[in-house]
Amino acid sequence: MWLIAPQPVVRASNSVFHCLRRICDGYIDGAAVSSPEDRARWEARGKAAAKMRMLMRDDLGVGPLIERRSPLLDDPNTPAAE
């Protein structure tokens, strides 16, 4: 990314990386899988990744993609799915 992607894509990919880092750090700090904090971090990662995909597709000139959702977010028992 850093070698050939335009600056908005680089920034978006960094955002995804930092979201993943926060997920890992949360587990290190003792957050339970599927806890409200964990789900919020995964939701943020999903939004950041969707933005990155949109910017990458725009840069490639291939048009929008129908957004796919995580099975976790499609679960009606998931607070983030509401």
N, C-alpha and C. Protein backbone atom coordinates (compact mmCIF):
# COMPACT_ATOMS: atom_id res chain seq x y z
N MET A 1 0.81 -1.19 0.00
CA MET A 1 0.00 0.00 0.00
C MET A 1 0.86 1.26 0.00
N TRP A 2 1.85 1.26 0.87
CA TRP A 2 2.67 2.46 1.01
C TRP A 2 3.45 2.79 -0.27
N LEU A 3 3.68 1.79 -1.10
CA LEU A 3 4.48 2.03 -2.30
C LEU A 3 3.68 2.61 -3.45
N ILE A 4 2.44 2.17 -3.64
CA ILE A 4 1.73 2.60 -4.85
C ILE A 4 0.33 3.15 -4.62
N ALA A 5 -0.24 2.98 -3.45
CA ALA A 5 -1.61 3.45 -3.21
C ALA A 5 -1.63 4.96 -3.00
N PRO A 6 -2.72 5.61 -3.42
CA PRO A 6 -2.85 7.04 -3.14
C PRO A 6 -3.04 7.27 -1.63
N GLN A 7 -2.78 8.48 -1.20
CA GLN A 7 -2.80 8.81 0.22
C GLN A 7 -4.11 8.43 0.93
N PRO A 8 -5.29 8.65 0.35
CA PRO A 8 -6.51 8.26 1.06
C PRO A 8 -6.58 6.75 1.34
N VAL A 9 -6.08 5.94 0.42
CA VAL A 9 -6.08 4.49 0.63
C VAL A 9 -5.07 4.11 1.71
N VAL A 10 -3.93 4.75 1.70
CA VAL A 10 -2.91 4.49 2.74
C VAL A 10 -3.48 4.84 4.11
N ARG A 11 -4.13 6.00 4.22
CA ARG A 11 -4.73 6.39 5.51
C ARG A 11 -5.80 5.40 5.94
N ALA A 12 -6.62 4.96 4.99
CA ALA A 12 -7.68 4.00 5.32
C ALA A 12 -7.09 2.66 5.76
N SER A 13 -6.04 2.21 5.10
CA SER A 13 -5.43 0.94 5.50
C SER A 13 -4.79 1.05 6.88
N ASN A 14 -4.21 2.21 7.18
CA ASN A 14 -3.67 2.42 8.53
C ASN A 14 -4.78 2.38 9.57
N SER A 15 -5.93 2.92 9.23
CA SER A 15 -7.06 2.90 10.15
C SER A 15 -7.50 1.46 10.44
N VAL A 16 -7.55 0.63 9.41
CA VAL A 16 -7.90 -0.78 9.61
C VAL A 16 -6.87 -1.45 10.51
N PHE A 17 -5.60 -1.21 10.24
CA PHE A 17 -4.54 -1.79 11.07
C PHE A 17 -4.72 -1.40 12.53
N HIS A 18 -4.98 -0.10 12.78
CA HIS A 18 -5.12 0.35 14.17
C HIS A 18 -6.36 -0.24 14.83
N CYS A 19 -7.41 -0.45 14.06
CA CYS A 19 -8.60 -1.13 14.62
C CYS A 19 -8.24 -2.55 15.04
N LEU A 20 -7.50 -3.26 14.19
CA LEU A 20 -7.09 -4.62 14.53
C LEU A 20 -6.16 -4.62 15.75
N ARG A 21 -5.31 -3.61 15.83
CA ARG A 21 -4.42 -3.50 16.99
C ARG A 21 -5.23 -3.30 18.28
N ARG A 22 -6.29 -2.47 18.21
CA ARG A 22 -7.14 -2.25 19.38
C ARG A 22 -7.87 -3.53 19.78
N ILE A 23 -8.26 -4.34 18.81
CA ILE A 23 -8.90 -5.63 19.11
C ILE A 23 -7.91 -6.52 19.87
N CYS A 24 -6.70 -6.64 19.34
CA CYS A 24 -5.68 -7.46 20.00
C CYS A 24 -5.35 -6.93 21.39
N ASP A 25 -5.17 -5.63 21.50
CA ASP A 25 -4.87 -5.04 22.79
C ASP A 25 -6.00 -5.26 23.78
N GLY A 26 -7.22 -5.22 23.30
CA GLY A 26 -8.37 -5.47 24.17
C GLY A 26 -8.32 -6.87 24.76
N TYR A 27 -7.98 -7.85 23.92
CA TYR A 27 -7.86 -9.23 24.42
C TYR A 27 -6.72 -9.34 25.43
N ILE A 28 -5.62 -8.68 25.14
CA ILE A 28 -4.47 -8.70 26.07
C ILE A 28 -4.89 -8.10 27.41
N ASP A 29 -5.71 -7.06 27.35
CA ASP A 29 -6.17 -6.39 28.58
C ASP A 29 -7.30 -7.13 29.28
N GLY A 30 -7.74 -8.26 28.71
CA GLY A 30 -8.74 -9.08 29.37
C GLY A 30 -10.16 -8.96 28.87
N ALA A 31 -10.38 -8.26 27.78
CA ALA A 31 -11.74 -8.17 27.23
C ALA A 31 -12.21 -9.55 26.79
N ALA A 32 -13.43 -9.88 27.12
CA ALA A 32 -13.99 -11.17 26.73
C ALA A 32 -14.45 -11.12 25.27
N VAL A 33 -14.27 -12.23 24.57
CA VAL A 33 -14.77 -12.34 23.21
C VAL A 33 -16.28 -12.15 23.25
N SER A 34 -16.78 -11.35 22.34
CA SER A 34 -18.21 -11.03 22.21
C SER A 34 -18.75 -10.14 23.32
N SER A 35 -17.86 -9.58 24.15
CA SER A 35 -18.31 -8.60 25.14
C SER A 35 -18.73 -7.33 24.39
N PRO A 36 -19.45 -6.44 25.03
CA PRO A 36 -19.83 -5.20 24.35
C PRO A 36 -18.63 -4.42 23.81
N GLU A 37 -17.53 -4.40 24.59
CA GLU A 37 -16.33 -3.70 24.12
C GLU A 37 -15.74 -4.38 22.89
N ASP A 38 -15.70 -5.70 22.91
CA ASP A 38 -15.16 -6.47 21.79
C ASP A 38 -16.00 -6.25 20.54
N ARG A 39 -17.30 -6.33 20.69
CA ARG A 39 -18.19 -6.13 19.54
C ARG A 39 -18.05 -4.72 18.97
N ALA A 40 -17.89 -3.72 19.84
CA ALA A 40 -17.71 -2.35 19.37
C ALA A 40 -16.42 -2.21 18.58
N ARG A 41 -15.36 -2.87 19.05
CA ARG A 41 -14.09 -2.81 18.31
C ARG A 41 -14.21 -3.48 16.95
N TRP A 42 -14.91 -4.63 16.89
CA TRP A 42 -15.10 -5.32 15.62
C TRP A 42 -15.99 -4.50 14.68
N GLU A 43 -16.98 -3.83 15.23
CA GLU A 43 -17.84 -2.96 14.41
C GLU A 43 -17.02 -1.83 13.81
N ALA A 44 -16.15 -1.22 14.60
CA ALA A 44 -15.27 -0.15 14.10
C ALA A 44 -14.36 -0.68 13.00
N ARG A 45 -13.83 -1.88 13.20
CA ARG A 45 -12.97 -2.49 12.18
C ARG A 45 -13.74 -2.72 10.89
N GLY A 46 -14.98 -3.19 11.01
CA GLY A 46 -15.81 -3.42 9.83
C GLY A 46 -16.07 -2.15 9.05
N LYS A 47 -16.36 -1.07 9.76
CA LYS A 47 -16.60 0.21 9.10
C LYS A 47 -15.33 0.73 8.44
N ALA A 48 -14.20 0.60 9.12
CA ALA A 48 -12.93 1.05 8.55
C ALA A 48 -12.57 0.24 7.31
N ALA A 49 -12.80 -1.07 7.36
CA ALA A 49 -12.49 -1.93 6.21
C ALA A 49 -13.41 -1.61 5.03
N ALA A 50 -14.68 -1.33 5.31
CA ALA A 50 -15.61 -0.98 4.24
C ALA A 50 -15.17 0.31 3.56
N LYS A 51 -14.73 1.29 4.35
CA LYS A 51 -14.24 2.54 3.78
C LYS A 51 -13.00 2.29 2.93
N MET A 52 -12.09 1.46 3.44
CA MET A 52 -10.88 1.15 2.68
C MET A 52 -11.22 0.48 1.36
N ARG A 53 -12.14 -0.50 1.40
CA ARG A 53 -12.53 -1.18 0.15
C ARG A 53 -13.12 -0.19 -0.84
N MET A 54 -13.98 0.71 -0.36
CA MET A 54 -14.60 1.70 -1.24
C MET A 54 -13.52 2.58 -1.90
N LEU A 55 -12.57 3.05 -1.10
CA LEU A 55 -11.50 3.89 -1.64
C LEU A 55 -10.62 3.12 -2.62
N MET A 56 -10.33 1.87 -2.32
CA MET A 56 -9.50 1.06 -3.21
C MET A 56 -10.22 0.82 -4.54
N ARG A 57 -11.50 0.48 -4.48
CA ARG A 57 -12.26 0.23 -5.71
C ARG A 57 -12.37 1.52 -6.53
N ASP A 58 -12.57 2.65 -5.85
CA ASP A 58 -12.65 3.92 -6.54
C ASP A 58 -11.33 4.21 -7.25
N ASP A 59 -10.22 3.98 -6.55
CA ASP A 59 -8.90 4.20 -7.14
C ASP A 59 -8.68 3.31 -8.37
N LEU A 60 -9.20 2.09 -8.31
CA LEU A 60 -9.04 1.16 -9.43
C LEU A 60 -10.06 1.42 -10.54
N GLY A 61 -11.06 2.24 -10.25
CA GLY A 61 -12.06 2.56 -11.25
C GLY A 61 -13.03 1.43 -11.55
N VAL A 62 -13.27 0.56 -10.56
CA VAL A 62 -14.14 -0.59 -10.81
C VAL A 62 -15.55 -0.42 -10.23
N GLY A 63 -15.84 0.70 -9.63
CA GLY A 63 -17.18 0.96 -9.14
C GLY A 63 -17.45 0.34 -7.79
N PRO A 64 -18.61 0.68 -7.25
CA PRO A 64 -18.95 0.20 -5.90
C PRO A 64 -19.23 -1.29 -5.86
N LEU A 65 -19.10 -1.83 -4.68
CA LEU A 65 -19.37 -3.24 -4.41
C LEU A 65 -20.52 -3.29 -3.42
N ILE A 66 -21.45 -4.21 -3.63
CA ILE A 66 -22.51 -4.37 -2.65
C ILE A 66 -21.85 -4.86 -1.37
N GLU A 67 -22.04 -4.10 -0.31
CA GLU A 67 -21.36 -4.38 0.96
C GLU A 67 -21.79 -5.70 1.56
N ARG A 68 -20.82 -6.52 1.91
CA ARG A 68 -21.08 -7.77 2.62
C ARG A 68 -20.91 -7.50 4.09
N ARG A 69 -21.73 -8.15 4.88
CA ARG A 69 -21.66 -7.96 6.32
C ARG A 69 -21.12 -9.20 6.98
N SER A 70 -20.51 -8.99 8.11
CA SER A 70 -19.99 -10.07 8.91
C SER A 70 -21.14 -10.90 9.47
N PRO A 71 -21.01 -12.23 9.55
CA PRO A 71 -22.05 -13.03 10.19
C PRO A 71 -22.32 -12.58 11.62
N LEU A 72 -21.30 -12.10 12.31
CA LEU A 72 -21.47 -11.59 13.66
C LEU A 72 -22.45 -10.44 13.68
N LEU A 73 -22.34 -9.55 12.70
CA LEU A 73 -23.22 -8.39 12.66
C LEU A 73 -24.62 -8.75 12.17
N ASP A 74 -24.77 -9.87 11.47
CA ASP A 74 -26.07 -10.30 11.00
C ASP A 74 -26.84 -11.08 12.06
N ASP A 75 -26.19 -11.40 13.16
CA ASP A 75 -26.82 -12.12 14.24
C ASP A 75 -27.76 -11.19 15.00
N PRO A 76 -29.08 -11.47 15.02
CA PRO A 76 -30.01 -10.57 15.69
C PRO A 76 -29.76 -10.44 17.20
N ASN A 77 -29.00 -11.37 17.79
CA ASN A 77 -28.68 -11.30 19.19
C ASN A 77 -27.48 -10.40 19.49
N THR A 78 -26.87 -9.87 18.43
CA THR A 78 -25.72 -9.00 18.56
C THR A 78 -26.20 -7.56 18.74
N PRO A 79 -25.80 -6.89 19.82
CA PRO A 79 -26.24 -5.50 20.03
C PRO A 79 -25.88 -4.59 18.86
N ALA A 80 -24.73 -4.81 18.22
CA ALA A 80 -24.31 -3.95 17.10
C ALA A 80 -25.20 -4.14 15.89
N ALA A 81 -25.94 -5.27 15.81
CA ALA A 81 -26.79 -5.53 14.65
C ALA A 81 -28.09 -4.76 14.71
N GLU A 82 -28.41 -4.18 15.85
CA GLU A 82 -29.68 -3.46 16.00
C GLU A 82 -29.64 -2.10 15.38
